[in-house]
Every structure is written in structure tokens, then in C-alpha cells.
Amino acid sequence: RRQFLKTMGVAAAASWVSTAWGRMPAITQKRSRPLVIST
């Protein structure tokens, strides 16, 4: 049971990290859109 809970905790943490990092490109993209540059 302890091993199961430990495994689930690691998986949940990994899922949170993955989700958080997965959002980062979207945040970056949002900051760069829209954008206009000219000479």
C-alpha cells in the first residue's frame, strides 16, 4: 500500500510538472502574439 501511494504521488507530481512546463510555450506564444515590427 505504501509503495502504491508513493508511486501515485510521484506520478501526480510528474503530471503537475509536465502540465506546468507544457503551458510555458503557450504563455510565451501568448506574449508574442500579436506583434508588429517595422523599419
All heavy atoms as atom14 arrays in JSON, in Angstrom:
{
  "sequence": "RRQFLKTMGVAAAASWVSTAWGRMPAITQKRSRPLVIST",
  "atom14_mask": [
    [1, 1, 1, 1, 1, 1, 1, 1, 1, 1, 1, 0, 0, 0],
    [1, 1, 1, 1, 1, 1, 1, 1, 1, 1, 1, 0, 0, 0],
    [1, 1, 1, 1, 1, 1, 1, 1, 1, 0, 0, 0, 0, 0],
    [1, 1, 1, 1, 1, 1, 1, 1, 1, 1, 1, 0, 0, 0],
    [1, 1, 1, 1, 1, 1, 1, 1, 0, 0, 0, 0, 0, 0],
    [1, 1, 1, 1, 1, 1, 1, 1, 1, 0, 0, 0, 0, 0],
    [1, 1, 1, 1, 1, 1, 1, 0, 0, 0, 0, 0, 0, 0],
    [1, 1, 1, 1, 1, 1, 1, 1, 0, 0, 0, 0, 0, 0],
    [1, 1, 1, 1, 0, 0, 0, 0, 0, 0, 0, 0, 0, 0],
    [1, 1, 1, 1, 1, 1, 1, 0, 0, 0, 0, 0, 0, 0],
    [1, 1, 1, 1, 1, 0, 0, 0, 0, 0, 0, 0, 0, 0],
    [1, 1, 1, 1, 1, 0, 0, 0, 0, 0, 0, 0, 0, 0],
    [1, 1, 1, 1, 1, 0, 0, 0, 0, 0, 0, 0, 0, 0],
    [1, 1, 1, 1, 1, 0, 0, 0, 0, 0, 0, 0, 0, 0],
    [1, 1, 1, 1, 1, 1, 0, 0, 0, 0, 0, 0, 0, 0],
    [1, 1, 1, 1, 1, 1, 1, 1, 1, 1, 1, 1, 1, 1],
    [1, 1, 1, 1, 1, 1, 1, 0, 0, 0, 0, 0, 0, 0],
    [1, 1, 1, 1, 1, 1, 0, 0, 0, 0, 0, 0, 0, 0],
    [1, 1, 1, 1, 1, 1, 1, 0, 0, 0, 0, 0, 0, 0],
    [1, 1, 1, 1, 1, 0, 0, 0, 0, 0, 0, 0, 0, 0],
    [1, 1, 1, 1, 1, 1, 1, 1, 1, 1, 1, 1, 1, 1],
    [1, 1, 1, 1, 0, 0, 0, 0, 0, 0, 0, 0, 0, 0],
    [1, 1, 1, 1, 1, 1, 1, 1, 1, 1, 1, 0, 0, 0],
    [1, 1, 1, 1, 1, 1, 1, 1, 0, 0, 0, 0, 0, 0],
    [1, 1, 1, 1, 1, 1, 1, 0, 0, 0, 0, 0, 0, 0],
    [1, 1, 1, 1, 1, 0, 0, 0, 0, 0, 0, 0, 0, 0],
    [1, 1, 1, 1, 1, 1, 1, 1, 0, 0, 0, 0, 0, 0],
    [1, 1, 1, 1, 1, 1, 1, 0, 0, 0, 0, 0, 0, 0],
    [1, 1, 1, 1, 1, 1, 1, 1, 1, 0, 0, 0, 0, 0],
    [1, 1, 1, 1, 1, 1, 1, 1, 1, 0, 0, 0, 0, 0],
    [1, 1, 1, 1, 1, 1, 1, 1, 1, 1, 1, 0, 0, 0],
    [1, 1, 1, 1, 1, 1, 0, 0, 0, 0, 0, 0, 0, 0],
    [1, 1, 1, 1, 1, 1, 1, 1, 1, 1, 1, 0, 0, 0],
    [1, 1, 1, 1, 1, 1, 1, 0, 0, 0, 0, 0, 0, 0],
    [1, 1, 1, 1, 1, 1, 1, 1, 0, 0, 0, 0, 0, 0],
    [1, 1, 1, 1, 1, 1, 1, 0, 0, 0, 0, 0, 0, 0],
    [1, 1, 1, 1, 1, 1, 1, 1, 0, 0, 0, 0, 0, 0],
    [1, 1, 1, 1, 1, 1, 0, 0, 0, 0, 0, 0, 0, 0],
    [1, 1, 1, 1, 1, 1, 1, 0, 0, 0, 0, 0, 0, 0]
  ],
  "atom14_positions": [
    [[0.83, -1.21, 0.0], [0.0, 0.0, 0.0], [0.87, 1.26, 0.0], [0.6, 2.23, -0.71], [-0.91, 0.0, 1.23], [-1.89, 1.17, 1.28], [-2.89, 0.98, 2.41], [-3.84, 2.07, 2.43], [-3.64, 3.22, 3.08], [-2.52, 3.4, 3.74], [-4.56, 4.17, 3.06], [0.0, 0.0, 0.0], [0.0, 0.0, 0.0], [0.0, 0.0, 0.0]],
    [[1.94, 1.23, 0.84], [2.86, 2.38, 0.87], [3.52, 2.6, -0.49], [3.69, 3.72, -0.95], [3.93, 2.16, 1.94], [3.4, 2.3, 3.37], [4.47, 1.95, 4.35], [3.98, 2.08, 5.71], [4.62, 1.58, 6.76], [5.75, 0.92, 6.6], [4.11, 1.74, 7.98], [0.0, 0.0, 0.0], [0.0, 0.0, 0.0], [0.0, 0.0, 0.0]],
    [[3.92, 1.5, -1.1], [4.57, 1.6, -2.4], [3.61, 2.17, -3.44], [3.97, 2.99, -4.29], [5.08, 0.21, -2.85], [5.86, 0.25, -4.17], [7.1, 1.13, -4.07], [7.79, 1.12, -3.03], [7.37, 1.9, -5.11], [0.0, 0.0, 0.0], [0.0, 0.0, 0.0], [0.0, 0.0, 0.0], [0.0, 0.0, 0.0], [0.0, 0.0, 0.0]],
    [[2.33, 1.74, -3.34], [1.32, 2.23, -4.27], [1.13, 3.74, -4.12], [1.1, 4.49, -5.09], [-0.01, 1.5, -4.02], [-1.17, 2.06, -4.8], [-1.31, 1.79, -6.15], [-2.11, 2.88, -4.16], [-2.38, 2.32, -6.85], [-3.17, 3.41, -4.87], [-3.31, 3.13, -6.22], [0.0, 0.0, 0.0], [0.0, 0.0, 0.0], [0.0, 0.0, 0.0]],
    [[1.01, 4.19, -2.83], [0.81, 5.61, -2.58], [2.01, 6.44, -3.04], [1.89, 7.53, -3.58], [0.55, 5.85, -1.1], [-0.8, 5.31, -0.57], [-0.86, 5.47, 0.94], [-1.96, 6.03, -1.23], [0.0, 0.0, 0.0], [0.0, 0.0, 0.0], [0.0, 0.0, 0.0], [0.0, 0.0, 0.0], [0.0, 0.0, 0.0], [0.0, 0.0, 0.0]],
    [[3.21, 5.88, -2.8], [4.44, 6.58, -3.22], [4.48, 6.73, -4.74], [4.8, 7.78, -5.29], [5.66, 5.8, -2.72], [6.98, 6.46, -3.1], [8.14, 5.66, -2.53], [9.47, 6.28, -2.91], [10.61, 5.5, -2.39], [0.0, 0.0, 0.0], [0.0, 0.0, 0.0], [0.0, 0.0, 0.0], [0.0, 0.0, 0.0], [0.0, 0.0, 0.0]],
    [[4.11, 5.62, -5.4], [4.12, 5.64, -6.86], [3.12, 6.65, -7.39], [3.39, 7.42, -8.31], [3.8, 4.25, -7.41], [4.77, 3.34, -6.93], [3.81, 4.25, -8.94], [0.0, 0.0, 0.0], [0.0, 0.0, 0.0], [0.0, 0.0, 0.0], [0.0, 0.0, 0.0], [0.0, 0.0, 0.0], [0.0, 0.0, 0.0], [0.0, 0.0, 0.0]],
    [[1.91, 6.66, -6.77], [0.89, 7.6, -7.2], [1.31, 9.04, -6.95], [1.06, 9.94, -7.76], [-0.41, 7.31, -6.44], [-1.1, 6.01, -6.89], [-1.57, 6.04, -8.64], [-2.84, 7.28, -8.59], [0.0, 0.0, 0.0], [0.0, 0.0, 0.0], [0.0, 0.0, 0.0], [0.0, 0.0, 0.0], [0.0, 0.0, 0.0], [0.0, 0.0, 0.0]],
    [[2.01, 9.29, -5.83], [2.48, 10.64, -5.52], [3.48, 11.12, -6.54], [3.44, 12.26, -7.01], [0.0, 0.0, 0.0], [0.0, 0.0, 0.0], [0.0, 0.0, 0.0], [0.0, 0.0, 0.0], [0.0, 0.0, 0.0], [0.0, 0.0, 0.0], [0.0, 0.0, 0.0], [0.0, 0.0, 0.0], [0.0, 0.0, 0.0], [0.0, 0.0, 0.0]],
    [[4.41, 10.26, -6.91], [5.42, 10.61, -7.92], [4.75, 10.88, -9.25], [5.06, 11.84, -9.96], [6.47, 9.49, -8.05], [7.36, 9.74, -9.26], [7.29, 9.39, -6.78], [0.0, 0.0, 0.0], [0.0, 0.0, 0.0], [0.0, 0.0, 0.0], [0.0, 0.0, 0.0], [0.0, 0.0, 0.0], [0.0, 0.0, 0.0], [0.0, 0.0, 0.0]],
    [[3.78, 10.03, -9.6], [3.08, 10.21, -10.87], [2.33, 11.53, -10.9], [2.32, 12.24, -11.9], [2.12, 9.05, -11.1], [0.0, 0.0, 0.0], [0.0, 0.0, 0.0], [0.0, 0.0, 0.0], [0.0, 0.0, 0.0], [0.0, 0.0, 0.0], [0.0, 0.0, 0.0], [0.0, 0.0, 0.0], [0.0, 0.0, 0.0], [0.0, 0.0, 0.0]],
    [[1.67, 11.83, -9.74], [0.93, 13.1, -9.68], [1.85, 14.29, -9.81], [1.56, 15.26, -10.51], [0.16, 13.17, -8.36], [0.0, 0.0, 0.0], [0.0, 0.0, 0.0], [0.0, 0.0, 0.0], [0.0, 0.0, 0.0], [0.0, 0.0, 0.0], [0.0, 0.0, 0.0], [0.0, 0.0, 0.0], [0.0, 0.0, 0.0], [0.0, 0.0, 0.0]],
    [[3.0, 14.21, -9.11], [3.97, 15.3, -9.2], [4.49, 15.45, -10.62], [4.63, 16.56, -11.14], [5.13, 15.05, -8.23], [0.0, 0.0, 0.0], [0.0, 0.0, 0.0], [0.0, 0.0, 0.0], [0.0, 0.0, 0.0], [0.0, 0.0, 0.0], [0.0, 0.0, 0.0], [0.0, 0.0, 0.0], [0.0, 0.0, 0.0], [0.0, 0.0, 0.0]],
    [[4.8, 14.31, -11.23], [5.29, 14.34, -12.61], [4.26, 14.93, -13.54], [4.57, 15.7, -14.45], [5.66, 12.92, -13.07], [0.0, 0.0, 0.0], [0.0, 0.0, 0.0], [0.0, 0.0, 0.0], [0.0, 0.0, 0.0], [0.0, 0.0, 0.0], [0.0, 0.0, 0.0], [0.0, 0.0, 0.0], [0.0, 0.0, 0.0], [0.0, 0.0, 0.0]],
    [[2.97, 14.57, -13.29], [1.9, 15.12, -14.12], [1.8, 16.62, -13.97], [1.64, 17.36, -14.94], [0.58, 14.45, -13.74], [-0.49, 15.03, -14.45], [0.0, 0.0, 0.0], [0.0, 0.0, 0.0], [0.0, 0.0, 0.0], [0.0, 0.0, 0.0], [0.0, 0.0, 0.0], [0.0, 0.0, 0.0], [0.0, 0.0, 0.0], [0.0, 0.0, 0.0]],
    [[1.92, 17.13, -12.71], [1.86, 18.57, -12.47], [2.99, 19.3, -13.16], [2.81, 20.31, -13.82], [1.91, 18.83, -10.97], [1.83, 20.31, -10.66], [0.72, 21.06, -10.5], [2.93, 21.2, -10.52], [1.04, 22.36, -10.25], [2.4, 22.49, -10.27], [4.32, 21.05, -10.58], [3.19, 23.6, -10.08], [5.12, 22.17, -10.39], [4.55, 23.42, -10.15]],
    [[4.22, 18.73, -13.01], [5.38, 19.35, -13.65], [5.2, 19.37, -15.16], [5.44, 20.38, -15.83], [6.68, 18.61, -13.28], [7.83, 19.13, -14.12], [6.97, 18.8, -11.79], [0.0, 0.0, 0.0], [0.0, 0.0, 0.0], [0.0, 0.0, 0.0], [0.0, 0.0, 0.0], [0.0, 0.0, 0.0], [0.0, 0.0, 0.0], [0.0, 0.0, 0.0]],
    [[4.74, 18.22, -15.69], [4.55, 18.15, -17.14], [3.53, 19.16, -17.6], [3.71, 19.85, -18.61], [4.11, 16.74, -17.53], [3.83, 16.67, -18.9], [0.0, 0.0, 0.0], [0.0, 0.0, 0.0], [0.0, 0.0, 0.0], [0.0, 0.0, 0.0], [0.0, 0.0, 0.0], [0.0, 0.0, 0.0], [0.0, 0.0, 0.0], [0.0, 0.0, 0.0]],
    [[2.42, 19.28, -16.84], [1.38, 20.22, -17.22], [1.89, 21.66, -17.12], [1.67, 22.48, -18.01], [0.16, 20.05, -16.32], [-0.31, 18.71, -16.42], [-0.96, 21.02, -16.73], [0.0, 0.0, 0.0], [0.0, 0.0, 0.0], [0.0, 0.0, 0.0], [0.0, 0.0, 0.0], [0.0, 0.0, 0.0], [0.0, 0.0, 0.0], [0.0, 0.0, 0.0]],
    [[2.61, 21.95, -16.04], [3.13, 23.3, -15.84], [4.11, 23.68, -16.94], [4.02, 24.74, -17.54], [3.8, 23.4, -14.47], [0.0, 0.0, 0.0], [0.0, 0.0, 0.0], [0.0, 0.0, 0.0], [0.0, 0.0, 0.0], [0.0, 0.0, 0.0], [0.0, 0.0, 0.0], [0.0, 0.0, 0.0], [0.0, 0.0, 0.0], [0.0, 0.0, 0.0]],
    [[5.05, 22.77, -17.23], [6.02, 23.06, -18.28], [5.33, 23.08, -19.64], [5.72, 23.82, -20.53], [7.14, 22.02, -18.27], [8.15, 22.3, -17.21], [8.22, 21.75, -15.97], [9.21, 23.25, -17.27], [9.26, 22.28, -15.26], [9.9, 23.2, -16.04], [9.65, 24.14, -18.25], [10.98, 24.0, -15.76], [10.75, 24.93, -17.98], [11.4, 24.86, -16.73]],
    [[4.3, 22.25, -19.78], [3.58, 22.23, -21.04], [2.89, 23.54, -21.34], [2.69, 23.9, -22.48], [0.0, 0.0, 0.0], [0.0, 0.0, 0.0], [0.0, 0.0, 0.0], [0.0, 0.0, 0.0], [0.0, 0.0, 0.0], [0.0, 0.0, 0.0], [0.0, 0.0, 0.0], [0.0, 0.0, 0.0], [0.0, 0.0, 0.0], [0.0, 0.0, 0.0]],
    [[2.55, 24.28, -20.3], [1.9, 25.56, -20.51], [2.88, 26.65, -20.9], [2.51, 27.67, -21.45], [1.18, 26.01, -19.22], [-0.06, 25.19, -18.87], [-0.88, 25.93, -17.82], [-1.97, 25.11, -17.34], [-2.0, 24.52, -16.16], [-0.98, 24.66, -15.34], [-3.04, 23.79, -15.79], [0.0, 0.0, 0.0], [0.0, 0.0, 0.0], [0.0, 0.0, 0.0]],
    [[4.14, 26.45, -20.56], [5.11, 27.53, -20.75], [5.21, 28.01, -22.2], [5.19, 29.21, -22.45], [6.48, 27.13, -20.21], [6.51, 27.09, -18.69], [8.14, 26.78, -18.06], [8.96, 28.29, -18.48], [0.0, 0.0, 0.0], [0.0, 0.0, 0.0], [0.0, 0.0, 0.0], [0.0, 0.0, 0.0], [0.0, 0.0, 0.0], [0.0, 0.0, 0.0]],
    [[5.3, 27.09, -23.19], [5.33, 27.6, -24.55], [4.09, 28.41, -24.91], [4.16, 29.4, -25.61], [5.43, 26.31, -25.39], [6.04, 25.31, -24.47], [5.48, 25.65, -23.12], [0.0, 0.0, 0.0], [0.0, 0.0, 0.0], [0.0, 0.0, 0.0], [0.0, 0.0, 0.0], [0.0, 0.0, 0.0], [0.0, 0.0, 0.0], [0.0, 0.0, 0.0]],
    [[2.93, 27.97, -24.38], [1.7, 28.71, -24.67], [1.77, 30.12, -24.1], [1.35, 31.08, -24.72], [0.5, 27.96, -24.1], [0.0, 0.0, 0.0], [0.0, 0.0, 0.0], [0.0, 0.0, 0.0], [0.0, 0.0, 0.0], [0.0, 0.0, 0.0], [0.0, 0.0, 0.0], [0.0, 0.0, 0.0], [0.0, 0.0, 0.0], [0.0, 0.0, 0.0]],
    [[2.33, 30.24, -22.87], [2.48, 31.56, -22.27], [3.42, 32.42, -23.11], [3.16, 33.58, -23.4], [3.0, 31.43, -20.82], [1.93, 30.77, -19.94], [3.38, 32.79, -20.26], [2.42, 30.38, -18.57], [0.0, 0.0, 0.0], [0.0, 0.0, 0.0], [0.0, 0.0, 0.0], [0.0, 0.0, 0.0], [0.0, 0.0, 0.0], [0.0, 0.0, 0.0]],
    [[4.53, 31.81, -23.52], [5.48, 32.53, -24.36], [4.84, 32.97, -25.65], [4.98, 34.1, -26.09], [6.7, 31.63, -24.66], [7.31, 31.25, -23.43], [7.71, 32.37, -25.53], [0.0, 0.0, 0.0], [0.0, 0.0, 0.0], [0.0, 0.0, 0.0], [0.0, 0.0, 0.0], [0.0, 0.0, 0.0], [0.0, 0.0, 0.0], [0.0, 0.0, 0.0]],
    [[4.09, 32.04, -26.27], [3.43, 32.38, -27.52], [2.43, 33.51, -27.31], [2.32, 34.41, -28.12], [2.69, 31.13, -28.07], [3.62, 30.01, -28.5], [4.4, 30.38, -29.74], [4.1, 31.36, -30.42], [5.43, 29.63, -30.05], [0.0, 0.0, 0.0], [0.0, 0.0, 0.0], [0.0, 0.0, 0.0], [0.0, 0.0, 0.0], [0.0, 0.0, 0.0]],
    [[1.7, 33.45, -26.2], [0.69, 34.48, -25.94], [1.35, 35.84, -25.81], [0.82, 36.85, -26.28], [-0.09, 34.13, -24.67], [-1.26, 35.08, -24.39], [-2.03, 34.62, -23.19], [-3.21, 35.55, -22.92], [-3.97, 35.12, -21.73], [0.0, 0.0, 0.0], [0.0, 0.0, 0.0], [0.0, 0.0, 0.0], [0.0, 0.0, 0.0], [0.0, 0.0, 0.0]],
    [[2.5, 35.9, -25.19], [3.2, 37.17, -25.02], [3.67, 37.72, -26.35], [3.83, 38.92, -26.51], [4.38, 36.99, -24.08], [3.98, 36.81, -22.63], [5.2, 36.69, -21.76], [6.0, 37.9, -21.8], [7.21, 38.0, -21.26], [7.74, 36.96, -20.64], [7.88, 39.13, -21.32], [0.0, 0.0, 0.0], [0.0, 0.0, 0.0], [0.0, 0.0, 0.0]],
    [[3.92, 36.85, -27.34], [4.44, 37.31, -28.61], [3.35, 37.52, -29.65], [3.64, 37.87, -30.78], [5.47, 36.3, -29.14], [4.84, 35.06, -29.43], [0.0, 0.0, 0.0], [0.0, 0.0, 0.0], [0.0, 0.0, 0.0], [0.0, 0.0, 0.0], [0.0, 0.0, 0.0], [0.0, 0.0, 0.0], [0.0, 0.0, 0.0], [0.0, 0.0, 0.0]],
    [[2.1, 37.27, -29.29], [1.01, 37.45, -30.23], [-0.05, 38.36, -29.62], [-0.47, 38.14, -28.48], [0.36, 36.09, -30.55], [1.25, 35.1, -31.25], [0.47, 33.81, -31.44], [1.31, 32.78, -32.02], [0.91, 31.51, -32.16], [-0.28, 31.14, -31.74], [1.72, 30.61, -32.7], [0.0, 0.0, 0.0], [0.0, 0.0, 0.0], [0.0, 0.0, 0.0]],
    [[-0.5, 39.33, -30.36], [0.03, 39.76, -31.64], [1.3, 40.6, -31.49], [1.63, 41.04, -30.39], [-1.11, 40.59, -32.22], [-1.82, 41.13, -31.02], [-1.72, 40.07, -29.97], [0.0, 0.0, 0.0], [0.0, 0.0, 0.0], [0.0, 0.0, 0.0], [0.0, 0.0, 0.0], [0.0, 0.0, 0.0], [0.0, 0.0, 0.0], [0.0, 0.0, 0.0]],
    [[1.96, 40.84, -32.6], [3.21, 41.58, -32.62], [3.38, 42.21, -34.0], [3.1, 41.56, -35.01], [4.37, 40.65, -32.32], [5.8, 41.15, -32.58], [6.15, 42.27, -31.61], [6.8, 40.01, -32.46], [0.0, 0.0, 0.0], [0.0, 0.0, 0.0], [0.0, 0.0, 0.0], [0.0, 0.0, 0.0], [0.0, 0.0, 0.0], [0.0, 0.0, 0.0]],
    [[3.85, 43.44, -34.05], [4.16, 44.08, -35.32], [5.49, 44.81, -35.2], [5.76, 45.45, -34.18], [3.03, 45.02, -35.78], [2.75, 46.11, -34.76], [3.35, 45.63, -37.14], [0.0, 0.0, 0.0], [0.0, 0.0, 0.0], [0.0, 0.0, 0.0], [0.0, 0.0, 0.0], [0.0, 0.0, 0.0], [0.0, 0.0, 0.0], [0.0, 0.0, 0.0]],
    [[6.32, 44.7, -36.22], [7.59, 45.4, -36.27], [7.71, 46.07, -37.64], [7.18, 45.58, -38.64], [8.8, 44.46, -36.03], [8.77, 43.27, -37.0], [8.82, 43.99, -34.6], [9.97, 42.34, -36.89], [0.0, 0.0, 0.0], [0.0, 0.0, 0.0], [0.0, 0.0, 0.0], [0.0, 0.0, 0.0], [0.0, 0.0, 0.0], [0.0, 0.0, 0.0]],
    [[8.41, 47.21, -37.67], [8.57, 47.91, -38.94], [9.83, 48.76, -38.91], [10.33, 49.14, -37.85], [7.35, 48.79, -39.23], [7.09, 49.67, -38.17], [0.0, 0.0, 0.0], [0.0, 0.0, 0.0], [0.0, 0.0, 0.0], [0.0, 0.0, 0.0], [0.0, 0.0, 0.0], [0.0, 0.0, 0.0], [0.0, 0.0, 0.0], [0.0, 0.0, 0.0]],
    [[10.33, 49.06, -40.09], [11.62, 49.74, -40.21], [11.5, 51.25, -40.01], [10.53, 51.87, -40.38], [12.23, 49.48, -41.6], [11.31, 49.92, -42.62], [12.52, 48.0, -41.81], [0.0, 0.0, 0.0], [0.0, 0.0, 0.0], [0.0, 0.0, 0.0], [0.0, 0.0, 0.0], [0.0, 0.0, 0.0], [0.0, 0.0, 0.0], [0.0, 0.0, 0.0]]
  ]
}
